[in-house]
Amino acid sequence: LKIIELRPSCPDIEWHFIGPLQSNKTKIIAEHFDWMHTL
């Protein structure tokens, strides 16, 4: 939600996912984030 809201006005933010990830949520990370730290 934060990425969708901020990307138009702050396109140069680099978004890192740093939390635990369940397999049913991978699509959101793949489509929206730049980095994933917890693989």
Full PDB file with SEQRES, HELIX, SHEET, SSBOND, CRYST1, ORIGX, SCALE, CONECT and MASTER records, all heavy atoms in Angstrom:
SEQRES   1 A   39  LEU LYS ILE ILE GLU LEU ARG PRO SER CYS PRO ASP ILE          
SEQRES   2 A   39  GLU TRP HIS PHE ILE GLY PRO LEU GLN SER ASN LYS THR          
SEQRES   3 A   39  LYS ILE ILE ALA GLU HIS PHE ASP TRP MET HIS THR LEU          
HELIX    1 AA1 LYS A    2  LEU A    6  1                                   5    
HELIX    2 AA2 SER A   23  LYS A   25  5                                   3    
HELIX    3 AA3 THR A   26  HIS A   32  1                                   7    
SHEET    1 AA1 2 HIS A  16  PHE A  17  0                                        
SHEET    2 AA1 2 TRP A  35  MET A  36  1                                        
CRYST1    1.000    1.000    1.000  90.00  90.00  90.00 P 1           1          
ORIGX1      1.000000  0.000000  0.000000        0.00000                         
ORIGX2      0.000000  1.000000  0.000000        0.00000                         
ORIGX3      0.000000  0.000000  1.000000        0.00000                         
SCALE1      1.000000  0.000000  0.000000        0.00000                         
SCALE2      0.000000  1.000000  0.000000        0.00000                         
SCALE3      0.000000  0.000000  1.000000        0.00000                         
ATOM      1  N   LEU A   1       0.825  -1.214   0.000  1.00  0.00           N  
ATOM      2  CA  LEU A   1       0.000   0.000   0.000  1.00  0.00           C  
ATOM      3  C   LEU A   1       0.857   1.261   0.000  1.00  0.00           C  
ATOM      4  O   LEU A   1       0.557   2.232  -0.700  1.00  0.00           O  
ATOM      5  CB  LEU A   1      -0.937  -0.005   1.211  1.00  0.00           C  
ATOM      6  CG  LEU A   1      -2.044  -1.056   1.204  1.00  0.00           C  
ATOM      7  CD1 LEU A   1      -2.796  -1.057   2.524  1.00  0.00           C  
ATOM      8  CD2 LEU A   1      -3.013  -0.812   0.041  1.00  0.00           C  
ATOM      9  N   LYS A   2       1.934   1.253   0.780  1.00  0.00           N  
ATOM     10  CA  LYS A   2       2.823   2.413   0.832  1.00  0.00           C  
ATOM     11  C   LYS A   2       3.502   2.638  -0.520  1.00  0.00           C  
ATOM     12  O   LYS A   2       3.620   3.785  -0.993  1.00  0.00           O  
ATOM     13  CB  LYS A   2       3.881   2.231   1.927  1.00  0.00           C  
ATOM     14  CG  LYS A   2       3.330   2.328   3.338  1.00  0.00           C  
ATOM     15  CD  LYS A   2       4.414   2.016   4.353  1.00  0.00           C  
ATOM     16  CE  LYS A   2       3.907   2.157   5.781  1.00  0.00           C  
ATOM     17  NZ  LYS A   2       4.933   1.806   6.783  1.00  0.00           N  
ATOM     18  N   ILE A   3       3.958   1.565  -1.142  1.00  0.00           N  
ATOM     19  CA  ILE A   3       4.632   1.685  -2.436  1.00  0.00           C  
ATOM     20  C   ILE A   3       3.675   2.249  -3.486  1.00  0.00           C  
ATOM     21  O   ILE A   3       4.025   3.163  -4.244  1.00  0.00           O  
ATOM     22  CB  ILE A   3       5.186   0.321  -2.878  1.00  0.00           C  
ATOM     23  CG1 ILE A   3       6.329  -0.104  -1.960  1.00  0.00           C  
ATOM     24  CG2 ILE A   3       5.682   0.380  -4.324  1.00  0.00           C  
ATOM     25  CD1 ILE A   3       6.766  -1.548  -2.142  1.00  0.00           C  
ATOM     26  N   ILE A   4       2.465   1.712  -3.523  1.00  0.00           N  
ATOM     27  CA  ILE A   4       1.486   2.182  -4.513  1.00  0.00           C  
ATOM     28  C   ILE A   4       1.181   3.658  -4.307  1.00  0.00           C  
ATOM     29  O   ILE A   4       1.080   4.428  -5.263  1.00  0.00           O  
ATOM     30  CB  ILE A   4       0.202   1.333  -4.430  1.00  0.00           C  
ATOM     31  CG1 ILE A   4       0.484  -0.086  -4.946  1.00  0.00           C  
ATOM     32  CG2 ILE A   4      -0.932   1.975  -5.213  1.00  0.00           C  
ATOM     33  CD1 ILE A   4      -0.642  -1.071  -4.705  1.00  0.00           C  
ATOM     34  N   GLU A   5       1.062   4.079  -3.049  1.00  0.00           N  
ATOM     35  CA  GLU A   5       0.736   5.482  -2.768  1.00  0.00           C  
ATOM     36  C   GLU A   5       1.896   6.428  -3.075  1.00  0.00           C  
ATOM     37  O   GLU A   5       1.697   7.532  -3.588  1.00  0.00           O  
ATOM     38  CB  GLU A   5       0.308   5.644  -1.307  1.00  0.00           C  
ATOM     39  CG  GLU A   5      -0.097   7.078  -0.969  1.00  0.00           C  
ATOM     40  CD  GLU A   5      -0.779   7.208   0.375  1.00  0.00           C  
ATOM     41  OE1 GLU A   5      -1.208   6.177   0.939  1.00  0.00           O  
ATOM     42  OE2 GLU A   5      -0.890   8.353   0.858  1.00  0.00           O  
ATOM     43  N   LEU A   6       3.115   5.986  -2.785  1.00  0.00           N  
ATOM     44  CA  LEU A   6       4.267   6.890  -2.884  1.00  0.00           C  
ATOM     45  C   LEU A   6       4.990   6.852  -4.225  1.00  0.00           C  
ATOM     46  O   LEU A   6       5.702   7.804  -4.554  1.00  0.00           O  
ATOM     47  CB  LEU A   6       5.262   6.582  -1.762  1.00  0.00           C  
ATOM     48  CG  LEU A   6       4.849   7.052  -0.370  1.00  0.00           C  
ATOM     49  CD1 LEU A   6       5.779   6.495   0.689  1.00  0.00           C  
ATOM     50  CD2 LEU A   6       4.816   8.565  -0.300  1.00  0.00           C  
ATOM     51  N   ARG A   7       4.840   5.786  -4.969  1.00  0.00           N  
ATOM     52  CA  ARG A   7       5.634   5.664  -6.189  1.00  0.00           C  
ATOM     53  C   ARG A   7       5.409   6.815  -7.179  1.00  0.00           C  
ATOM     54  O   ARG A   7       6.369   7.289  -7.785  1.00  0.00           O  
ATOM     55  CB  ARG A   7       5.387   4.311  -6.853  1.00  0.00           C  
ATOM     56  CG  ARG A   7       6.295   4.043  -8.036  1.00  0.00           C  
ATOM     57  CD  ARG A   7       6.664   2.567  -8.140  1.00  0.00           C  
ATOM     58  NE  ARG A   7       7.830   2.221  -7.336  1.00  0.00           N  
ATOM     59  CZ  ARG A   7       8.180   0.980  -7.019  1.00  0.00           C  
ATOM     60  NH1 ARG A   7       7.440  -0.029  -7.417  1.00  0.00           N  
ATOM     61  NH2 ARG A   7       9.256   0.753  -6.292  1.00  0.00           N  
ATOM     62  N   PRO A   8       4.176   7.317  -7.383  1.00  0.00           N  
ATOM     63  CA  PRO A   8       4.007   8.423  -8.339  1.00  0.00           C  
ATOM     64  C   PRO A   8       4.784   9.682  -7.955  1.00  0.00           C  
ATOM     65  O   PRO A   8       5.354  10.348  -8.819  1.00  0.00           O  
ATOM     66  CB  PRO A   8       2.492   8.669  -8.330  1.00  0.00           C  
ATOM     67  CG  PRO A   8       1.899   7.372  -7.905  1.00  0.00           C  
ATOM     68  CD  PRO A   8       2.862   6.818  -6.902  1.00  0.00           C  
ATOM     69  N   SER A   9       4.822  10.014  -6.665  1.00  0.00           N  
ATOM     70  CA  SER A   9       5.483  11.258  -6.243  1.00  0.00           C  
ATOM     71  C   SER A   9       6.936  11.048  -5.812  1.00  0.00           C  
ATOM     72  O   SER A   9       7.717  11.998  -5.808  1.00  0.00           O  
ATOM     73  CB  SER A   9       4.706  11.900  -5.089  1.00  0.00           C  
ATOM     74  OG  SER A   9       4.619  11.011  -3.983  1.00  0.00           O  
ATOM     75  N   CYS A  10       7.286   9.815  -5.470  1.00  0.00           N  
ATOM     76  CA  CYS A  10       8.652   9.514  -4.998  1.00  0.00           C  
ATOM     77  C   CYS A  10       9.189   8.293  -5.755  1.00  0.00           C  
ATOM     78  O   CYS A  10       9.467   7.248  -5.143  1.00  0.00           O  
ATOM     79  CB  CYS A  10       8.658   9.244  -3.503  1.00  0.00           C  
ATOM     80  SG  CYS A  10       7.846  10.489  -2.481  1.00  0.00           S  
ATOM     81  N   PRO A  11       9.348   8.401  -7.068  1.00  0.00           N  
ATOM     82  CA  PRO A  11       9.720   7.221  -7.860  1.00  0.00           C  
ATOM     83  C   PRO A  11      11.124   6.708  -7.579  1.00  0.00           C  
ATOM     84  O   PRO A  11      11.450   5.578  -7.958  1.00  0.00           O  
ATOM     85  CB  PRO A  11       9.587   7.715  -9.303  1.00  0.00           C  
ATOM     86  CG  PRO A  11       9.801   9.188  -9.215  1.00  0.00           C  
ATOM     87  CD  PRO A  11       9.196   9.609  -7.906  1.00  0.00           C  
ATOM     88  N   ASP A  12      11.958   7.528  -6.928  1.00  0.00           N  
ATOM     89  CA  ASP A  12      13.335   7.104  -6.684  1.00  0.00           C  
ATOM     90  C   ASP A  12      13.529   6.416  -5.331  1.00  0.00           C  
ATOM     91  O   ASP A  12      14.654   6.091  -4.952  1.00  0.00           O  
ATOM     92  CB  ASP A  12      14.297   8.290  -6.800  1.00  0.00           C  
ATOM     93  CG  ASP A  12      13.919   9.465  -5.898  1.00  0.00           C  
ATOM     94  OD1 ASP A  12      12.742   9.549  -5.482  1.00  0.00           O  
ATOM     95  OD2 ASP A  12      14.789  10.307  -5.631  1.00  0.00           O  
ATOM     96  N   ILE A  13      12.426   6.146  -4.599  1.00  0.00           N  
ATOM     97  CA  ILE A  13      12.562   5.347  -3.382  1.00  0.00           C  
ATOM     98  C   ILE A  13      12.906   3.916  -3.783  1.00  0.00           C  
ATOM     99  O   ILE A  13      12.334   3.349  -4.704  1.00  0.00           O  
ATOM    100  CB  ILE A  13      11.265   5.360  -2.545  1.00  0.00           C  
ATOM    101  CG1 ILE A  13      11.070   6.721  -1.870  1.00  0.00           C  
ATOM    102  CG2 ILE A  13      11.308   4.262  -1.473  1.00  0.00           C  
ATOM    103  CD1 ILE A  13       9.841   6.808  -0.994  1.00  0.00           C  
ATOM    104  N   GLU A  14      13.867   3.335  -3.059  1.00  0.00           N  
ATOM    105  CA  GLU A  14      14.246   1.935  -3.240  1.00  0.00           C  
ATOM    106  C   GLU A  14      13.618   1.154  -2.089  1.00  0.00           C  
ATOM    107  O   GLU A  14      13.960   1.366  -0.928  1.00  0.00           O  
ATOM    108  CB  GLU A  14      15.769   1.819  -3.222  1.00  0.00           C  
ATOM    109  CG  GLU A  14      16.310   0.459  -3.595  1.00  0.00           C  
ATOM    110  CD  GLU A  14      17.834   0.484  -3.656  1.00  0.00           C  
ATOM    111  OE1 GLU A  14      18.377   0.839  -4.724  1.00  0.00           O  
ATOM    112  OE2 GLU A  14      18.478   0.178  -2.623  1.00  0.00           O  
ATOM    113  N   TRP A  15      12.706   0.239  -2.433  1.00  0.00           N  
ATOM    114  CA  TRP A  15      11.925  -0.465  -1.419  1.00  0.00           C  
ATOM    115  C   TRP A  15      12.527  -1.845  -1.129  1.00  0.00           C  
ATOM    116  O   TRP A  15      12.721  -2.654  -2.037  1.00  0.00           O  
ATOM    117  CB  TRP A  15      10.481  -0.615  -1.876  1.00  0.00           C  
ATOM    118  CG  TRP A  15       9.744   0.681  -1.950  1.00  0.00           C  
ATOM    119  CD1 TRP A  15       9.508   1.445  -3.068  1.00  0.00           C  
ATOM    120  CD2 TRP A  15       9.144   1.391  -0.857  1.00  0.00           C  
ATOM    121  NE1 TRP A  15       8.806   2.572  -2.735  1.00  0.00           N  
ATOM    122  CE2 TRP A  15       8.565   2.573  -1.392  1.00  0.00           C  
ATOM    123  CE3 TRP A  15       9.036   1.154   0.514  1.00  0.00           C  
ATOM    124  CZ2 TRP A  15       7.884   3.497  -0.584  1.00  0.00           C  
ATOM    125  CZ3 TRP A  15       8.369   2.069   1.304  1.00  0.00           C  
ATOM    126  CH2 TRP A  15       7.800   3.229   0.756  1.00  0.00           C  
ATOM    127  N   HIS A  16      12.790  -2.093   0.144  1.00  0.00           N  
ATOM    128  CA  HIS A  16      13.407  -3.348   0.592  1.00  0.00           C  
ATOM    129  C   HIS A  16      12.417  -4.104   1.478  1.00  0.00           C  
ATOM    130  O   HIS A  16      11.893  -3.541   2.444  1.00  0.00           O  
ATOM    131  CB  HIS A  16      14.669  -3.067   1.411  1.00  0.00           C  
ATOM    132  CG  HIS A  16      15.777  -2.438   0.636  1.00  0.00           C  
ATOM    133  ND1 HIS A  16      17.028  -3.027   0.527  1.00  0.00           N  
ATOM    134  CD2 HIS A  16      15.856  -1.267  -0.066  1.00  0.00           C  
ATOM    135  CE1 HIS A  16      17.812  -2.254  -0.217  1.00  0.00           C  
ATOM    136  NE2 HIS A  16      17.125  -1.183  -0.576  1.00  0.00           N  
ATOM    137  N   PHE A  17      12.177  -5.367   1.158  1.00  0.00           N  
ATOM    138  CA  PHE A  17      11.352  -6.195   2.040  1.00  0.00           C  
ATOM    139  C   PHE A  17      12.274  -6.934   3.003  1.00  0.00           C  
ATOM    140  O   PHE A  17      13.178  -7.654   2.576  1.00  0.00           O  
ATOM    141  CB  PHE A  17      10.496  -7.193   1.257  1.00  0.00           C  
ATOM    142  CG  PHE A  17       9.553  -7.951   2.155  1.00  0.00           C  
ATOM    143  CD1 PHE A  17       8.432  -7.329   2.681  1.00  0.00           C  
ATOM    144  CD2 PHE A  17       9.805  -9.268   2.499  1.00  0.00           C  
ATOM    145  CE1 PHE A  17       7.579  -8.001   3.547  1.00  0.00           C  
ATOM    146  CE2 PHE A  17       8.956  -9.955   3.362  1.00  0.00           C  
ATOM    147  CZ  PHE A  17       7.837  -9.324   3.879  1.00  0.00           C  
ATOM    148  N   ILE A  18      12.043  -6.766   4.311  1.00  0.00           N  
ATOM    149  CA  ILE A  18      12.965  -7.309   5.310  1.00  0.00           C  
ATOM    150  C   ILE A  18      12.257  -8.186   6.342  1.00  0.00           C  
ATOM    151  O   ILE A  18      12.817  -8.487   7.394  1.00  0.00           O  
ATOM    152  CB  ILE A  18      13.746  -6.175   6.020  1.00  0.00           C  
ATOM    153  CG1 ILE A  18      12.790  -5.183   6.699  1.00  0.00           C  
ATOM    154  CG2 ILE A  18      14.640  -5.447   5.027  1.00  0.00           C  
ATOM    155  CD1 ILE A  18      13.507  -4.130   7.541  1.00  0.00           C  
ATOM    156  N   GLY A  19      11.038  -8.619   6.029  1.00  0.00           N  
ATOM    157  CA  GLY A  19      10.285  -9.439   6.963  1.00  0.00           C  
ATOM    158  C   GLY A  19      10.145 -10.867   6.484  1.00  0.00           C  
ATOM    159  O   GLY A  19      10.589 -11.228   5.393  1.00  0.00           O  
ATOM    160  N   PRO A  20       9.503 -11.720   7.294  1.00  0.00           N  
ATOM    161  CA  PRO A  20       9.250 -13.105   6.876  1.00  0.00           C  
ATOM    162  C   PRO A  20       8.243 -13.127   5.729  1.00  0.00           C  
ATOM    163  O   PRO A  20       7.350 -12.290   5.650  1.00  0.00           O  
ATOM    164  CB  PRO A  20       8.680 -13.760   8.134  1.00  0.00           C  
ATOM    165  CG  PRO A  20       8.110 -12.627   8.934  1.00  0.00           C  
ATOM    166  CD  PRO A  20       8.968 -11.438   8.649  1.00  0.00           C  
ATOM    167  N   LEU A  21       8.407 -14.091   4.837  1.00  0.00           N  
ATOM    168  CA  LEU A  21       7.557 -14.144   3.644  1.00  0.00           C  
ATOM    169  C   LEU A  21       6.975 -15.537   3.471  1.00  0.00           C  
ATOM    170  O   LEU A  21       7.713 -16.519   3.362  1.00  0.00           O  
ATOM    171  CB  LEU A  21       8.364 -13.757   2.398  1.00  0.00           C  
ATOM    172  CG  LEU A  21       7.607 -13.752   1.069  1.00  0.00           C  
ATOM    173  CD1 LEU A  21       6.459 -12.746   1.090  1.00  0.00           C  
ATOM    174  CD2 LEU A  21       8.551 -13.453  -0.091  1.00  0.00           C  
ATOM    175  N   GLN A  22       5.643 -15.603   3.417  1.00  0.00           N  
ATOM    176  CA  GLN A  22       4.952 -16.849   3.115  1.00  0.00           C  
ATOM    177  C   GLN A  22       4.850 -17.007   1.596  1.00  0.00           C  
ATOM    178  O   GLN A  22       4.793 -16.016   0.857  1.00  0.00           O  
ATOM    179  CB  GLN A  22       3.563 -16.845   3.748  1.00  0.00           C  
ATOM    180  CG  GLN A  22       3.566 -16.733   5.263  1.00  0.00           C  
ATOM    181  CD  GLN A  22       2.182 -16.490   5.820  1.00  0.00           C  
ATOM    182  OE1 GLN A  22       1.382 -15.781   5.241  1.00  0.00           O  
ATOM    183  NE2 GLN A  22       1.907 -17.099   6.975  1.00  0.00           N  
ATOM    184  N   SER A  23       4.797 -18.239   1.140  1.00  0.00           N  
ATOM    185  CA  SER A  23       4.810 -18.482  -0.302  1.00  0.00           C  
ATOM    186  C   SER A  23       3.588 -17.904  -1.014  1.00  0.00           C  
ATOM    187  O   SER A  23       3.670 -17.570  -2.192  1.00  0.00           O  
ATOM    188  CB  SER A  23       4.919 -19.983  -0.581  1.00  0.00           C  
ATOM    189  OG  SER A  23       3.861 -20.698   0.025  1.00  0.00           O  
ATOM    190  N   ASN A  24       2.474 -17.731  -0.307  1.00  0.00           N  
ATOM    191  CA  ASN A  24       1.281 -17.172  -0.967  1.00  0.00           C  
ATOM    192  C   ASN A  24       1.332 -15.654  -1.100  1.00  0.00           C  
ATOM    193  O   ASN A  24       0.422 -15.041  -1.650  1.00  0.00           O  
ATOM    194  CB  ASN A  24       0.009 -17.584  -0.219  1.00  0.00           C  
ATOM    195  CG  ASN A  24      -0.062 -17.033   1.201  1.00  0.00           C  
ATOM    196  OD1 ASN A  24       0.937 -16.603   1.761  1.00  0.00           O  
ATOM    197  ND2 ASN A  24      -1.253 -17.048   1.776  1.00  0.00           N  
ATOM    198  N   LYS A  25       2.410 -15.032  -0.603  1.00  0.00           N  
ATOM    199  CA  LYS A  25       2.543 -13.574  -0.708  1.00  0.00           C  
ATOM    200  C   LYS A  25       3.699 -13.172  -1.644  1.00  0.00           C  
ATOM    201  O   LYS A  25       4.015 -11.987  -1.750  1.00  0.00           O  
ATOM    202  CB  LYS A  25       2.804 -12.976   0.679  1.00  0.00           C  
ATOM    203  CG  LYS A  25       1.740 -13.311   1.727  1.00  0.00           C  
ATOM    204  CD  LYS A  25       0.610 -12.324   1.718  1.00  0.00           C  
ATOM    205  CE  LYS A  25      -0.428 -12.646   2.813  1.00  0.00           C  
ATOM    206  NZ  LYS A  25       0.087 -12.394   4.148  1.00  0.00           N  
ATOM    207  N   THR A  26       4.341 -14.128  -2.289  1.00  0.00           N  
ATOM    208  CA  THR A  26       5.528 -13.804  -3.094  1.00  0.00           C  
ATOM    209  C   THR A  26       5.215 -12.882  -4.269  1.00  0.00           C  
ATOM    210  O   THR A  26       6.061 -12.073  -4.658  1.00  0.00           O  
ATOM    211  CB  THR A  26       6.187 -15.086  -3.634  1.00  0.00           C  
ATOM    212  OG1 THR A  26       5.202 -15.866  -4.330  1.00  0.00           O  
ATOM    213  CG2 THR A  26       6.800 -15.910  -2.516  1.00  0.00           C  
ATOM    214  N   LYS A  27       4.024 -12.984  -4.828  1.00  0.00           N  
ATOM    215  CA  LYS A  27       3.684 -12.189  -6.019  1.00  0.00           C  
ATOM    216  C   LYS A  27       3.750 -10.690  -5.713  1.00  0.00           C  
ATOM    217  O   LYS A  27       4.212  -9.890  -6.540  1.00  0.00           O  
ATOM    218  CB  LYS A  27       2.300 -12.572  -6.540  1.00  0.00           C  
ATOM    219  CG  LYS A  27       1.983 -12.061  -7.947  1.00  0.00           C  
ATOM    220  CD  LYS A  27       0.718 -12.737  -8.469  1.00  0.00           C  
ATOM    221  CE  LYS A  27       0.505 -12.403  -9.944  1.00  0.00           C  
ATOM    222  NZ  LYS A  27       0.015 -11.033 -10.135  1.00  0.00           N  
ATOM    223  N   ILE A  28       3.301 -10.308  -4.532  1.00  0.00           N  
ATOM    224  CA  ILE A  28       3.328  -8.889  -4.153  1.00  0.00           C  
ATOM    225  C   ILE A  28       4.768  -8.395  -4.091  1.00  0.00           C  
ATOM    226  O   ILE A  28       5.094  -7.309  -4.589  1.00  0.00           O  
ATOM    227  CB  ILE A  28       2.620  -8.674  -2.799  1.00  0.00           C  
ATOM    228  CG1 ILE A  28       1.127  -8.997  -2.925  1.00  0.00           C  
ATOM    229  CG2 ILE A  28       2.812  -7.232  -2.310  1.00  0.00           C  
ATOM    230  CD1 ILE A  28       0.378  -8.972  -1.603  1.00  0.00           C  
ATOM    231  N   ILE A  29       5.653  -9.193  -3.477  1.00  0.00           N  
ATOM    232  CA  ILE A  29       7.064  -8.805  -3.393  1.00  0.00           C  
ATOM    233  C   ILE A  29       7.668  -8.731  -4.786  1.00  0.00           C  
ATOM    234  O   ILE A  29       8.370  -7.770  -5.126  1.00  0.00           O  
ATOM    235  CB  ILE A  29       7.848  -9.808  -2.518  1.00  0.00           C  
ATOM    236  CG1 ILE A  29       7.235  -9.904  -1.105  1.00  0.00           C  
ATOM    237  CG2 ILE A  29       9.321  -9.399  -2.440  1.00  0.00           C  
ATOM    238  CD1 ILE A  29       7.156  -8.600  -0.353  1.00  0.00           C  
ATOM    239  N   ALA A  30       7.392  -9.723  -5.610  1.00  0.00           N  
ATOM    240  CA  ALA A  30       7.969  -9.776  -6.959  1.00  0.00           C  
ATOM    241  C   ALA A  30       7.520  -8.597  -7.813  1.00  0.00           C  
ATOM    242  O   ALA A  30       8.290  -8.093  -8.638  1.00  0.00           O  
ATOM    243  CB  ALA A  30       7.579 -11.091  -7.635  1.00  0.00           C  
ATOM    244  N   GLU A  31       6.309  -8.137  -7.609  1.00  0.00           N  
ATOM    245  CA  GLU A  31       5.758  -7.078  -8.468  1.00  0.00           C  
ATOM    246  C   GLU A  31       6.045  -5.668  -7.970  1.00  0.00           C  
ATOM    247  O   GLU A  31       6.001  -4.725  -8.759  1.00  0.00           O  
ATOM    248  CB  GLU A  31       4.245  -7.276  -8.620  1.00  0.00           C  
ATOM    249  CG  GLU A  31       3.869  -8.510  -9.426  1.00  0.00           C  
ATOM    250  CD  GLU A  31       2.373  -8.644  -9.633  1.00  0.00           C  
ATOM    251  OE1 GLU A  31       1.600  -7.927  -8.929  1.00  0.00           O  
ATOM    252  OE2 GLU A  31       1.973  -9.459 -10.486  1.00  0.00           O  
ATOM    253  N   HIS A  32       6.324  -5.511  -6.678  1.00  0.00           N  
ATOM    254  CA  HIS A  32       6.395  -4.155  -6.127  1.00  0.00           C  
ATOM    255  C   HIS A  32       7.741  -3.760  -5.513  1.00  0.00           C  
ATOM    256  O   HIS A  32       8.093  -2.574  -5.524  1.00  0.00           O  
ATOM    257  CB  HIS A  32       5.297  -3.963  -5.079  1.00  0.00           C  
ATOM    258  CG  HIS A  32       3.916  -3.983  -5.640  1.00  0.00           C  
ATOM    259  ND1 HIS A  32       3.356  -2.922  -6.330  1.00  0.00           N  
ATOM    260  CD2 HIS A  32       2.975  -4.965  -5.658  1.00  0.00           C  
ATOM    261  CE1 HIS A  32       2.139  -3.232  -6.724  1.00  0.00           C  
ATOM    262  NE2 HIS A  32       1.879  -4.467  -6.332  1.00  0.00           N  
ATOM    263  N   PHE A  33       8.468  -4.696  -4.963  1.00  0.00           N  
ATOM    264  CA  PHE A  33       9.692  -4.347  -4.238  1.00  0.00           C  
ATOM    265  C   PHE A  33      10.921  -4.401  -5.142  1.00  0.00           C  
ATOM    266  O   PHE A  33      10.918  -5.043  -6.192  1.00  0.00           O  
ATOM    267  CB  PHE A  33       9.886  -5.275  -3.031  1.00  0.00           C  
ATOM    268  CG  PHE A  33       9.023  -4.920  -1.848  1.00  0.00           C  
ATOM    269  CD1 PHE A  33       7.692  -5.318  -1.788  1.00  0.00           C  
ATOM    270  CD2 PHE A  33       9.539  -4.189  -0.787  1.00  0.00           C  
ATOM    271  CE1 PHE A  33       6.890  -4.987  -0.696  1.00  0.00           C  
ATOM    272  CE2 PHE A  33       8.748  -3.851   0.309  1.00  0.00           C  
ATOM    273  CZ  PHE A  33       7.423  -4.250   0.352  1.00  0.00           C  
ATOM    274  N   ASP A  34      11.977  -3.708  -4.703  1.00  0.00           N  
ATOM    275  CA  ASP A  34      13.262  -3.711  -5.418  1.00  0.00           C  
ATOM    276  C   ASP A  34      14.227  -4.741  -4.831  1.00  0.00           C  
ATOM    277  O   ASP A  34      15.072  -5.285  -5.549  1.00  0.00           O  
ATOM    278  CB  ASP A  34      13.905  -2.319  -5.343  1.00  0.00           C  
ATOM    279  CG  ASP A  34      12.988  -1.232  -5.884  1.00  0.00           C  
ATOM    280  OD1 ASP A  34      12.657  -1.295  -7.082  1.00  0.00           O  
ATOM    281  OD2 ASP A  34      12.586  -0.345  -5.108  1.00  0.00           O  
ATOM    282  N   TRP A  35      14.120  -4.952  -3.518  1.00  0.00           N  
ATOM    283  CA  TRP A  35      15.017  -5.869  -2.789  1.00  0.00           C  
ATOM    284  C   TRP A  35      14.190  -6.777  -1.894  1.00  0.00           C  
ATOM    285  O   TRP A  35      13.122  -6.395  -1.406  1.00  0.00           O  
ATOM    286  CB  TRP A  35      15.986  -5.094  -1.896  1.00  0.00           C  
ATOM    287  CG  TRP A  35      17.149  -4.430  -2.569  1.00  0.00           C  
ATOM    288  CD1 TRP A  35      17.118  -3.319  -3.365  1.00  0.00           C  
ATOM    289  CD2 TRP A  35      18.524  -4.817  -2.472  1.00  0.00           C  
ATOM    290  NE1 TRP A  35      18.380  -2.991  -3.777  1.00  0.00           N  
ATOM    291  CE2 TRP A  35      19.269  -3.891  -3.239  1.00  0.00           C  
ATOM    292  CE3 TRP A  35      19.198  -5.844  -1.810  1.00  0.00           C  
ATOM    293  CZ2 TRP A  35      20.660  -3.971  -3.360  1.00  0.00           C  
ATOM    294  CZ3 TRP A  35      20.572  -5.917  -1.925  1.00  0.00           C  
ATOM    295  CH2 TRP A  35      21.295  -4.992  -2.697  1.00  0.00           C  
ATOM    296  N   MET A  36      14.742  -7.974  -1.626  1.00  0.00           N  
ATOM    297  CA  MET A  36      14.167  -8.901  -0.665  1.00  0.00           C  
ATOM    298  C   MET A  36      15.321  -9.464   0.161  1.00  0.00           C  
ATOM    299  O   MET A  36      16.218 -10.100  -0.378  1.00  0.00           O  
ATOM    300  CB  MET A  36      13.432 -10.018  -1.418  1.00  0.00           C  
ATOM    301  CG  MET A  36      12.441 -10.804  -0.576  1.00  0.00           C  
ATOM    302  SD  MET A  36      13.175 -12.024   0.484  1.00  0.00           S  
ATOM    303  CE  MET A  36      11.766 -13.002   0.908  1.00  0.00           C  
ATOM    304  N   HIS A  37      15.317  -9.203   1.472  1.00  0.00           N  
ATOM    305  CA  HIS A  37      16.458  -9.532   2.332  1.00  0.00           C  
ATOM    306  C   HIS A  37      16.362 -10.881   3.029  1.00  0.00           C  
ATOM    307  O   HIS A  37      17.345 -11.313   3.625  1.00  0.00           O  
ATOM    308  CB  HIS A  37      16.599  -8.480   3.447  1.00  0.00           C  
ATOM    309  CG  HIS A  37      17.134  -7.168   3.008  1.00  0.00           C  
ATOM    310  ND1 HIS A  37      18.196  -6.551   3.640  1.00  0.00           N  
ATOM    311  CD2 HIS A  37      16.771  -6.328   2.006  1.00  0.00           C  
ATOM    312  CE1 HIS A  37      18.444  -5.388   3.041  1.00  0.00           C  
ATOM    313  NE2 HIS A  37      17.588  -5.233   2.052  1.00  0.00           N  
ATOM    314  N   THR A  38      15.208 -11.507   3.017  1.00  0.00           N  
ATOM    315  CA  THR A  38      14.977 -12.639   3.923  1.00  0.00           C  
ATOM    316  C   THR A  38      14.755 -13.950   3.174  1.00  0.00           C  
ATOM    317  O   THR A  38      13.999 -14.811   3.612  1.00  0.00           O  
ATOM    318  CB  THR A  38      13.768 -12.346   4.832  1.00  0.00           C  
ATOM    319  OG1 THR A  38      12.649 -11.947   4.011  1.00  0.00           O  
ATOM    320  CG2 THR A  38      14.084 -11.233   5.814  1.00  0.00           C  
ATOM    321  N   LEU A  39      15.432 -14.130   2.075  1.00  0.00           N  
ATOM    322  CA  LEU A  39      15.267 -15.344   1.280  1.00  0.00           C  
ATOM    323  C   LEU A  39      16.023 -16.504   1.934  1.00  0.00           C  
ATOM    324  O   LEU A  39      17.233 -16.398   2.191  1.00  0.00           O  
ATOM    325  CB  LEU A  39      15.797 -15.103  -0.136  1.00  0.00           C  
ATOM    326  CG  LEU A  39      15.553 -16.195  -1.166  1.00  0.00           C  
ATOM    327  CD1 LEU A  39      14.084 -16.578  -1.247  1.00  0.00           C  
ATOM    328  CD2 LEU A  39      16.037 -15.749  -2.536  1.00  0.00           C  
TER     329      LEU A  39                                                      
MASTER        0    0    0    3    2    0    0    6  328    1    0    3          
END                                                                             
